[in-house]
């Protein structure tokens, strides 16, 4: 995890991220997505991308259909978490 991110995320947020990433890599059907407060943060989103969707970091990820399903749900949850589209987007 990047140094800057460690300072901006409380330990509960880190646990949520770690749990979500482990579940995703294990191809669990019912993912425990991080809460909206975490998902709304750019740094948090970048960490998820880096750990789960960047082919340089995870060259042999889950099956493509699973990736698409998880990414679709993740995107919906991020969009739902945004409170002020003018400021947060």
PDB file of N, CA and C in Angstrom:
ATOM      1  N   UNK A   1       0.838  -1.165   0.000  1.00  0.00           N
ATOM      2  CA  UNK A   1       0.000   0.000   0.000  1.00  0.00           C
ATOM      3  C   UNK A   1       0.885   1.231   0.000  1.00  0.00           C
ATOM      4  N   UNK A   2       0.496   2.263  -0.719  1.00  0.00           N
ATOM      5  CA  UNK A   2       1.290   3.468  -0.823  1.00  0.00           C
ATOM      6  C   UNK A   2       1.345   4.170   0.525  1.00  0.00           C
ATOM      7  N   UNK A   3       2.465   4.877   0.764  1.00  0.00           N
ATOM      8  CA  UNK A   3       2.623   5.599   2.024  1.00  0.00           C
ATOM      9  C   UNK A   3       1.513   6.610   2.232  1.00  0.00           C
ATOM     10  N   UNK A   4       1.204   7.396   1.213  1.00  0.00           N
ATOM     11  CA  UNK A   4       0.176   8.418   1.336  1.00  0.00           C
ATOM     12  C   UNK A   4      -1.184   7.841   1.666  1.00  0.00           C
ATOM     13  N   UNK A   5      -1.466   6.683   1.144  1.00  0.00           N
ATOM     14  CA  UNK A   5      -2.758   6.077   1.393  1.00  0.00           C
ATOM     15  C   UNK A   5      -2.868   5.572   2.820  1.00  0.00           C
ATOM     16  N   UNK A   6      -1.787   5.068   3.352  1.00  0.00           N
ATOM     17  CA  UNK A   6      -1.810   4.560   4.718  1.00  0.00           C
ATOM     18  C   UNK A   6      -2.169   5.672   5.693  1.00  0.00           C
ATOM     19  N   UNK A   7      -1.788   6.887   5.375  1.00  0.00           N
ATOM     20  CA  UNK A   7      -2.080   8.005   6.262  1.00  0.00           C
ATOM     21  C   UNK A   7      -3.500   8.523   6.107  1.00  0.00           C
ATOM     22  N   UNK A   8      -4.149   8.261   4.986  1.00  0.00           N
ATOM     23  CA  UNK A   8      -5.474   8.813   4.754  1.00  0.00           C
ATOM     24  C   UNK A   8      -6.590   7.841   5.086  1.00  0.00           C
ATOM     25  N   UNK A   9      -6.294   6.571   5.288  1.00  0.00           N
ATOM     26  CA  UNK A   9      -7.324   5.588   5.551  1.00  0.00           C
ATOM     27  C   UNK A   9      -7.237   5.083   6.988  1.00  0.00           C
ATOM     28  N   UNK A  10      -8.358   5.119   7.709  1.00  0.00           N
ATOM     29  CA  UNK A  10      -8.345   4.505   9.038  1.00  0.00           C
ATOM     30  C   UNK A  10      -8.223   2.994   8.924  1.00  0.00           C
ATOM     31  N   UNK A  11      -7.816   2.359  10.010  1.00  0.00           N
ATOM     32  CA  UNK A  11      -7.582   0.917   9.963  1.00  0.00           C
ATOM     33  C   UNK A  11      -8.832   0.133   9.567  1.00  0.00           C
ATOM     34  N   UNK A  12     -10.020   0.613   9.929  1.00  0.00           N
ATOM     35  CA  UNK A  12     -11.256  -0.063   9.537  1.00  0.00           C
ATOM     36  C   UNK A  12     -11.434  -0.064   8.029  1.00  0.00           C
ATOM     37  N   UNK A  13     -11.090   1.037   7.401  1.00  0.00           N
ATOM     38  CA  UNK A  13     -11.183   1.132   5.946  1.00  0.00           C
ATOM     39  C   UNK A  13     -10.181   0.193   5.297  1.00  0.00           C
ATOM     40  N   UNK A  14      -9.005   0.108   5.872  1.00  0.00           N
ATOM     41  CA  UNK A  14      -7.987  -0.801   5.341  1.00  0.00           C
ATOM     42  C   UNK A  14      -8.454  -2.252   5.450  1.00  0.00           C
ATOM     43  N   UNK A  15      -9.053  -2.595   6.578  1.00  0.00           N
ATOM     44  CA  UNK A  15      -9.562  -3.969   6.747  1.00  0.00           C
ATOM     45  C   UNK A  15     -10.643  -4.281   5.716  1.00  0.00           C
ATOM     46  N   UNK A  16     -11.513  -3.304   5.470  1.00  0.00           N
ATOM     47  CA  UNK A  16     -12.559  -3.508   4.461  1.00  0.00           C
ATOM     48  C   UNK A  16     -11.937  -3.752   3.090  1.00  0.00           C
ATOM     49  N   UNK A  17     -10.933  -2.960   2.757  1.00  0.00           N
ATOM     50  CA  UNK A  17     -10.266  -3.097   1.467  1.00  0.00           C
ATOM     51  C   UNK A  17      -9.559  -4.444   1.357  1.00  0.00           C
ATOM     52  N   UNK A  18      -8.820  -4.807   2.384  1.00  0.00           N
ATOM     53  CA  UNK A  18      -8.097  -6.085   2.360  1.00  0.00           C
ATOM     54  C   UNK A  18      -9.056  -7.258   2.233  1.00  0.00           C
ATOM     55  N   UNK A  19     -10.145  -7.214   2.981  1.00  0.00           N
ATOM     56  CA  UNK A  19     -11.138  -8.296   2.933  1.00  0.00           C
ATOM     57  C   UNK A  19     -11.752  -8.396   1.531  1.00  0.00           C
ATOM     58  N   UNK A  20     -12.164  -7.255   0.979  1.00  0.00           N
ATOM     59  CA  UNK A  20     -12.754  -7.233  -0.353  1.00  0.00           C
ATOM     60  C   UNK A  20     -11.779  -7.792  -1.393  1.00  0.00           C
ATOM     61  N   UNK A  21     -10.521  -7.378  -1.326  1.00  0.00           N
ATOM     62  CA  UNK A  21      -9.525  -7.852  -2.287  1.00  0.00           C
ATOM     63  C   UNK A  21      -9.289  -9.356  -2.158  1.00  0.00           C
ATOM     64  N   UNK A  22      -9.212  -9.857  -0.933  1.00  0.00           N
ATOM     65  CA  UNK A  22      -9.034 -11.306  -0.737  1.00  0.00           C
ATOM     66  C   UNK A  22     -10.221 -12.085  -1.305  1.00  0.00           C
ATOM     67  N   UNK A  23     -11.428 -11.614  -1.022  1.00  0.00           N
ATOM     68  CA  UNK A  23     -12.618 -12.289  -1.527  1.00  0.00           C
ATOM     69  C   UNK A  23     -12.639 -12.295  -3.053  1.00  0.00           C
ATOM     70  N   UNK A  24     -12.283 -11.179  -3.646  1.00  0.00           N
ATOM     71  CA  UNK A  24     -12.276 -11.070  -5.108  1.00  0.00           C
ATOM     72  C   UNK A  24     -11.270 -12.045  -5.711  1.00  0.00           C
ATOM     73  N   UNK A  25     -10.069 -12.076  -5.183  1.00  0.00           N
ATOM     74  CA  UNK A  25      -9.027 -12.952  -5.711  1.00  0.00           C
ATOM     75  C   UNK A  25      -9.406 -14.421  -5.524  1.00  0.00           C
ATOM     76  N   UNK A  26     -10.154 -14.721  -4.459  1.00  0.00           N
ATOM     77  CA  UNK A  26     -10.613 -16.088  -4.209  1.00  0.00           C
ATOM     78  C   UNK A  26     -11.874 -16.429  -4.998  1.00  0.00           C
ATOM     79  N   UNK A  27     -12.368 -15.477  -5.788  1.00  0.00           N
ATOM     80  CA  UNK A  27     -13.544 -15.625  -6.643  1.00  0.00           C
ATOM     81  C   UNK A  27     -14.772 -16.043  -5.817  1.00  0.00           C
ATOM     82  N   UNK A  28     -14.969 -15.375  -4.708  1.00  0.00           N
ATOM     83  CA  UNK A  28     -16.161 -15.625  -3.905  1.00  0.00           C
ATOM     84  C   UNK A  28     -17.361 -14.984  -4.575  1.00  0.00           C
ATOM     85  N   UNK A  29     -18.491 -15.651  -4.500  1.00  0.00           N
ATOM     86  CA  UNK A  29     -19.684 -15.168  -5.187  1.00  0.00           C
ATOM     87  C   UNK A  29     -20.308 -13.955  -4.506  1.00  0.00           C
ATOM     88  N   UNK A  30     -20.298 -13.917  -3.198  1.00  0.00           N
ATOM     89  CA  UNK A  30     -20.901 -12.808  -2.455  1.00  0.00           C
ATOM     90  C   UNK A  30     -19.803 -11.951  -1.845  1.00  0.00           C
ATOM     91  N   UNK A  31     -19.406 -10.938  -2.590  1.00  0.00           N
ATOM     92  CA  UNK A  31     -18.332 -10.066  -2.137  1.00  0.00           C
ATOM     93  C   UNK A  31     -18.842  -9.107  -1.061  1.00  0.00           C
ATOM     94  N   UNK A  32     -18.012  -8.866  -0.073  1.00  0.00           N
ATOM     95  CA  UNK A  32     -18.301  -7.905   0.984  1.00  0.00           C
ATOM     96  C   UNK A  32     -17.665  -6.580   0.570  1.00  0.00           C
ATOM     97  N   UNK A  33     -18.414  -5.770  -0.170  1.00  0.00           N
ATOM     98  CA  UNK A  33     -17.894  -4.508  -0.699  1.00  0.00           C
ATOM     99  C   UNK A  33     -17.641  -3.519   0.436  1.00  0.00           C
ATOM    100  N   UNK A  34     -16.597  -2.706   0.307  1.00  0.00           N
ATOM    101  CA  UNK A  34     -16.356  -1.649   1.291  1.00  0.00           C
ATOM    102  C   UNK A  34     -17.530  -0.672   1.325  1.00  0.00           C
ATOM    103  N   UNK A  35     -17.674   0.033   2.432  1.00  0.00           N
ATOM    104  CA  UNK A  35     -18.797   0.965   2.547  1.00  0.00           C
ATOM    105  C   UNK A  35     -18.590   2.192   1.661  1.00  0.00           C
ATOM    106  N   UNK A  36     -19.673   2.924   1.468  1.00  0.00           N
ATOM    107  CA  UNK A  36     -19.669   4.074   0.568  1.00  0.00           C
ATOM    108  C   UNK A  36     -18.692   5.159   0.952  1.00  0.00           C
ATOM    109  N   UNK A  37     -18.502   5.364   2.241  1.00  0.00           N
ATOM    110  CA  UNK A  37     -17.551   6.380   2.710  1.00  0.00           C
ATOM    111  C   UNK A  37     -16.155   6.098   2.162  1.00  0.00           C
ATOM    112  N   UNK A  38     -15.778   4.841   2.140  1.00  0.00           N
ATOM    113  CA  UNK A  38     -14.465   4.453   1.605  1.00  0.00           C
ATOM    114  C   UNK A  38     -14.458   4.541   0.085  1.00  0.00           C
ATOM    115  N   UNK A  39     -15.482   3.983  -0.536  1.00  0.00           N
ATOM    116  CA  UNK A  39     -15.524   3.927  -1.997  1.00  0.00           C
ATOM    117  C   UNK A  39     -15.530   5.302  -2.641  1.00  0.00           C
ATOM    118  N   UNK A  40     -15.994   6.294  -1.929  1.00  0.00           N
ATOM    119  CA  UNK A  40     -16.079   7.648  -2.469  1.00  0.00           C
ATOM    120  C   UNK A  40     -14.698   8.290  -2.629  1.00  0.00           C
ATOM    121  N   UNK A  41     -13.706   7.796  -1.945  1.00  0.00           N
ATOM    122  CA  UNK A  41     -12.367   8.397  -1.941  1.00  0.00           C
ATOM    123  C   UNK A  41     -11.555   7.955  -3.164  1.00  0.00           C
ATOM    124  N   UNK A  42     -10.966   8.925  -3.843  1.00  0.00           N
ATOM    125  CA  UNK A  42     -10.142   8.644  -5.022  1.00  0.00           C
ATOM    126  C   UNK A  42      -8.999   7.685  -4.705  1.00  0.00           C
ATOM    127  N   UNK A  43      -8.345   7.918  -3.587  1.00  0.00           N
ATOM    128  CA  UNK A  43      -7.188   7.107  -3.211  1.00  0.00           C
ATOM    129  C   UNK A  43      -7.616   5.653  -3.022  1.00  0.00           C
ATOM    130  N   UNK A  44      -8.758   5.464  -2.434  1.00  0.00           N
ATOM    131  CA  UNK A  44      -9.298   4.124  -2.203  1.00  0.00           C
ATOM    132  C   UNK A  44      -9.610   3.440  -3.539  1.00  0.00           C
ATOM    133  N   UNK A  45     -10.227   4.167  -4.448  1.00  0.00           N
ATOM    134  CA  UNK A  45     -10.544   3.630  -5.773  1.00  0.00           C
ATOM    135  C   UNK A  45      -9.276   3.249  -6.523  1.00  0.00           C
ATOM    136  N   UNK A  46      -8.259   4.077  -6.419  1.00  0.00           N
ATOM    137  CA  UNK A  46      -6.988   3.784  -7.088  1.00  0.00           C
ATOM    138  C   UNK A  46      -6.350   2.518  -6.515  1.00  0.00           C
ATOM    139  N   UNK A  47      -6.464   2.331  -5.224  1.00  0.00           N
ATOM    140  CA  UNK A  47      -5.913   1.136  -4.581  1.00  0.00           C
ATOM    141  C   UNK A  47      -6.649  -0.118  -5.055  1.00  0.00           C
ATOM    142  N   UNK A  48      -7.968  -0.045  -5.167  1.00  0.00           N
ATOM    143  CA  UNK A  48      -8.746  -1.184  -5.671  1.00  0.00           C
ATOM    144  C   UNK A  48      -8.318  -1.511  -7.091  1.00  0.00           C
ATOM    145  N   UNK A  49      -8.214  -0.488  -7.933  1.00  0.00           N
ATOM    146  CA  UNK A  49      -7.787  -0.722  -9.310  1.00  0.00           C
ATOM    147  C   UNK A  49      -6.416  -1.379  -9.349  1.00  0.00           C
ATOM    148  N   UNK A  50      -5.494  -0.822  -8.597  1.00  0.00           N
ATOM    149  CA  UNK A  50      -4.121  -1.327  -8.591  1.00  0.00           C
ATOM    150  C   UNK A  50      -4.057  -2.793  -8.147  1.00  0.00           C
ATOM    151  N   UNK A  51      -4.802  -3.127  -7.123  1.00  0.00           N
ATOM    152  CA  UNK A  51      -4.723  -4.473  -6.559  1.00  0.00           C
ATOM    153  C   UNK A  51      -5.534  -5.511  -7.324  1.00  0.00           C
ATOM    154  N   UNK A  52      -6.613  -5.079  -7.985  1.00  0.00           N
ATOM    155  CA  UNK A  52      -7.517  -6.069  -8.575  1.00  0.00           C
ATOM    156  C   UNK A  52      -7.659  -6.022 -10.089  1.00  0.00           C
ATOM    157  N   UNK A  53      -7.469  -4.878 -10.683  1.00  0.00           N
ATOM    158  CA  UNK A  53      -7.771  -4.768 -12.105  1.00  0.00           C
ATOM    159  C   UNK A  53      -6.578  -4.398 -12.979  1.00  0.00           C
ATOM    160  N   UNK A  54      -5.474  -3.996 -12.387  1.00  0.00           N
ATOM    161  CA  UNK A  54      -4.275  -3.667 -13.152  1.00  0.00           C
ATOM    162  C   UNK A  54      -3.576  -4.975 -13.535  1.00  0.00           C
ATOM    163  N   UNK A  55      -3.527  -5.255 -14.828  1.00  0.00           N
ATOM    164  CA  UNK A  55      -2.961  -6.529 -15.296  1.00  0.00           C
ATOM    165  C   UNK A  55      -1.475  -6.662 -14.971  1.00  0.00           C
ATOM    166  N   UNK A  56      -0.794  -5.563 -14.716  1.00  0.00           N
ATOM    167  CA  UNK A  56       0.615  -5.635 -14.326  1.00  0.00           C
ATOM    168  C   UNK A  56       0.774  -6.172 -12.906  1.00  0.00           C
ATOM    169  N   UNK A  57      -0.206  -5.925 -12.058  1.00  0.00           N
ATOM    170  CA  UNK A  57      -0.143  -6.384 -10.672  1.00  0.00           C
ATOM    171  C   UNK A  57      -0.828  -7.733 -10.458  1.00  0.00           C
ATOM    172  N   UNK A  58      -1.811  -8.032 -11.282  1.00  0.00           N
ATOM    173  CA  UNK A  58      -2.556  -9.285 -11.156  1.00  0.00           C
ATOM    174  C   UNK A  58      -2.740  -9.884 -12.551  1.00  0.00           C
ATOM    175  N   UNK A  59      -1.655 -10.424 -13.120  1.00  0.00           N
ATOM    176  CA  UNK A  59      -1.714 -10.881 -14.517  1.00  0.00           C
ATOM    177  C   UNK A  59      -2.688 -12.043 -14.751  1.00  0.00           C
ATOM    178  N   UNK A  60      -2.901 -12.857 -13.747  1.00  0.00           N
ATOM    179  CA  UNK A  60      -3.827 -13.991 -13.901  1.00  0.00           C
ATOM    180  C   UNK A  60      -4.986 -13.831 -12.934  1.00  0.00           C
ATOM    181  N   UNK A  61      -5.802 -12.858 -13.227  1.00  0.00           N
ATOM    182  CA  UNK A  61      -6.939 -12.569 -12.365  1.00  0.00           C
ATOM    183  C   UNK A  61      -8.061 -13.583 -12.552  1.00  0.00           C
ATOM    184  N   UNK A  62      -9.156 -13.346 -11.877  1.00  0.00           N
ATOM    185  CA  UNK A  62     -10.331 -14.221 -12.007  1.00  0.00           C
ATOM    186  C   UNK A  62     -10.847 -14.247 -13.443  1.00  0.00           C
ATOM    187  N   UNK A  63     -11.774 -15.154 -13.731  1.00  0.00           N
ATOM    188  CA  UNK A  63     -12.364 -15.209 -15.081  1.00  0.00           C
ATOM    189  C   UNK A  63     -12.979 -13.858 -15.473  1.00  0.00           C
ATOM    190  N   UNK A  64     -12.936 -13.563 -16.755  1.00  0.00           N
ATOM    191  CA  UNK A  64     -13.397 -12.264 -17.259  1.00  0.00           C
ATOM    192  C   UNK A  64     -14.849 -11.968 -16.869  1.00  0.00           C
ATOM    193  N   UNK A  65     -15.727 -12.963 -16.928  1.00  0.00           N
ATOM    194  CA  UNK A  65     -17.133 -12.732 -16.561  1.00  0.00           C
ATOM    195  C   UNK A  65     -17.249 -12.326 -15.100  1.00  0.00           C
ATOM    196  N   UNK A  66     -16.460 -12.944 -14.247  1.00  0.00           N
ATOM    197  CA  UNK A  66     -16.455 -12.610 -12.827  1.00  0.00           C
ATOM    198  C   UNK A  66     -15.937 -11.187 -12.630  1.00  0.00           C
ATOM    199  N   UNK A  67     -14.861 -10.852 -13.344  1.00  0.00           N
ATOM    200  CA  UNK A  67     -14.298  -9.508 -13.252  1.00  0.00           C
ATOM    201  C   UNK A  67     -15.335  -8.464 -13.651  1.00  0.00           C
ATOM    202  N   UNK A  68     -16.021  -8.712 -14.752  1.00  0.00           N
ATOM    203  CA  UNK A  68     -17.021  -7.772 -15.243  1.00  0.00           C
ATOM    204  C   UNK A  68     -18.160  -7.605 -14.247  1.00  0.00           C
ATOM    205  N   UNK A  69     -18.629  -8.706 -13.691  1.00  0.00           N
ATOM    206  CA  UNK A  69     -19.723  -8.650 -12.724  1.00  0.00           C
ATOM    207  C   UNK A  69     -19.301  -7.856 -11.491  1.00  0.00           C
ATOM    208  N   UNK A  70     -18.112  -8.126 -10.973  1.00  0.00           N
ATOM    209  CA  UNK A  70     -17.621  -7.421  -9.786  1.00  0.00           C
ATOM    210  C   UNK A  70     -17.406  -5.944 -10.089  1.00  0.00           C
ATOM    211  N   UNK A  71     -16.841  -5.636 -11.243  1.00  0.00           N
ATOM    212  CA  UNK A  71     -16.585  -4.248 -11.611  1.00  0.00           C
ATOM    213  C   UNK A  71     -17.890  -3.476 -11.794  1.00  0.00           C
ATOM    214  N   UNK A  72     -18.882  -4.118 -12.367  1.00  0.00           N
ATOM    215  CA  UNK A  72     -20.184  -3.470 -12.553  1.00  0.00           C
ATOM    216  C   UNK A  72     -20.798  -3.127 -11.194  1.00  0.00           C
ATOM    217  N   UNK A  73     -20.788  -4.075 -10.274  1.00  0.00           N
ATOM    218  CA  UNK A  73     -21.336  -3.837  -8.940  1.00  0.00           C
ATOM    219  C   UNK A  73     -20.528  -2.770  -8.205  1.00  0.00           C
ATOM    220  N   UNK A  74     -19.219  -2.825  -8.325  1.00  0.00           N
ATOM    221  CA  UNK A  74     -18.353  -1.845  -7.685  1.00  0.00           C
ATOM    222  C   UNK A  74     -18.646  -0.439  -8.211  1.00  0.00           C
ATOM    223  N   UNK A  75     -18.780  -0.314  -9.514  1.00  0.00           N
ATOM    224  CA  UNK A  75     -19.082   0.980 -10.129  1.00  0.00           C
ATOM    225  C   UNK A  75     -20.415   1.526  -9.637  1.00  0.00           C
ATOM    226  N   UNK A  76     -21.420   0.667  -9.569  1.00  0.00           N
ATOM    227  CA  UNK A  76     -22.733   1.089  -9.074  1.00  0.00           C
ATOM    228  C   UNK A  76     -22.646   1.572  -7.635  1.00  0.00           C
ATOM    229  N   UNK A  77     -21.883   0.865  -6.824  1.00  0.00           N
ATOM    230  CA  UNK A  77     -21.744   1.257  -5.415  1.00  0.00           C
ATOM    231  C   UNK A  77     -20.983   2.573  -5.270  1.00  0.00           C
ATOM    232  N   UNK A  78     -19.982   2.782  -6.106  1.00  0.00           N
ATOM    233  CA  UNK A  78     -19.260   4.058  -6.075  1.00  0.00           C
ATOM    234  C   UNK A  78     -20.202   5.184  -6.471  1.00  0.00           C
ATOM    235  N   UNK A  79     -20.964   4.989  -7.540  1.00  0.00           N
ATOM    236  CA  UNK A  79     -21.907   6.015  -7.978  1.00  0.00           C
ATOM    237  C   UNK A  79     -22.949   6.304  -6.898  1.00  0.00           C
ATOM    238  N   UNK A  80     -23.441   5.266  -6.240  1.00  0.00           N
ATOM    239  CA  UNK A  80     -24.435   5.444  -5.176  1.00  0.00           C
ATOM    240  C   UNK A  80     -23.852   6.177  -3.966  1.00  0.00           C
ATOM    241  N   UNK A  81     -22.559   6.061  -3.758  1.00  0.00           N
ATOM    242  CA  UNK A  81     -21.927   6.682  -2.594  1.00  0.00           C
ATOM    243  C   UNK A  81     -21.689   8.175  -2.773  1.00  0.00           C
ATOM    244  N   UNK A  82     -21.717   8.650  -4.001  1.00  0.00           N
ATOM    245  CA  UNK A  82     -21.432  10.060  -4.269  1.00  0.00           C
ATOM    246  C   UNK A  82     -22.603  10.910  -3.789  1.00  0.00           C
ATOM    247  N   UNK A  83     -22.298  11.860  -2.918  1.00  0.00           N
ATOM    248  CA  UNK A  83     -23.321  12.723  -2.355  1.00  0.00           C
ATOM    249  C   UNK A  83     -23.491  14.021  -3.132  1.00  0.00           C
ATOM    250  N   UNK A  84     -22.410  14.559  -3.635  1.00  0.00           N
ATOM    251  CA  UNK A  84     -22.447  15.809  -4.383  1.00  0.00           C
ATOM    252  C   UNK A  84     -21.649  15.644  -5.666  1.00  0.00           C
ATOM    253  N   UNK A  85     -22.359  15.443  -6.766  1.00  0.00           N
ATOM    254  CA  UNK A  85     -21.685  15.160  -8.042  1.00  0.00           C
ATOM    255  C   UNK A  85     -20.832  16.326  -8.510  1.00  0.00           C
ATOM    256  N   UNK A  86     -21.165  17.548  -8.118  1.00  0.00           N
ATOM    257  CA  UNK A  86     -20.377  18.716  -8.519  1.00  0.00           C
ATOM    258  C   UNK A  86     -19.011  18.732  -7.865  1.00  0.00           C
ATOM    259  N   UNK A  87     -18.930  18.298  -6.617  1.00  0.00           N
ATOM    260  CA  UNK A  87     -17.678  18.350  -5.867  1.00  0.00           C
ATOM    261  C   UNK A  87     -16.865  17.069  -5.969  1.00  0.00           C
ATOM    262  N   UNK A  88     -17.523  15.922  -6.016  1.00  0.00           N
ATOM    263  CA  UNK A  88     -16.821  14.636  -5.877  1.00  0.00           C
ATOM    264  C   UNK A  88     -16.454  13.982  -7.193  1.00  0.00           C
ATOM    265  N   UNK A  89     -16.895  14.507  -8.294  1.00  0.00           N
ATOM    266  CA  UNK A  89     -16.590  13.870  -9.576  1.00  0.00           C
ATOM    267  C   UNK A  89     -15.568  14.673 -10.319  1.00  0.00           C
TER     268      UNK A  89
END
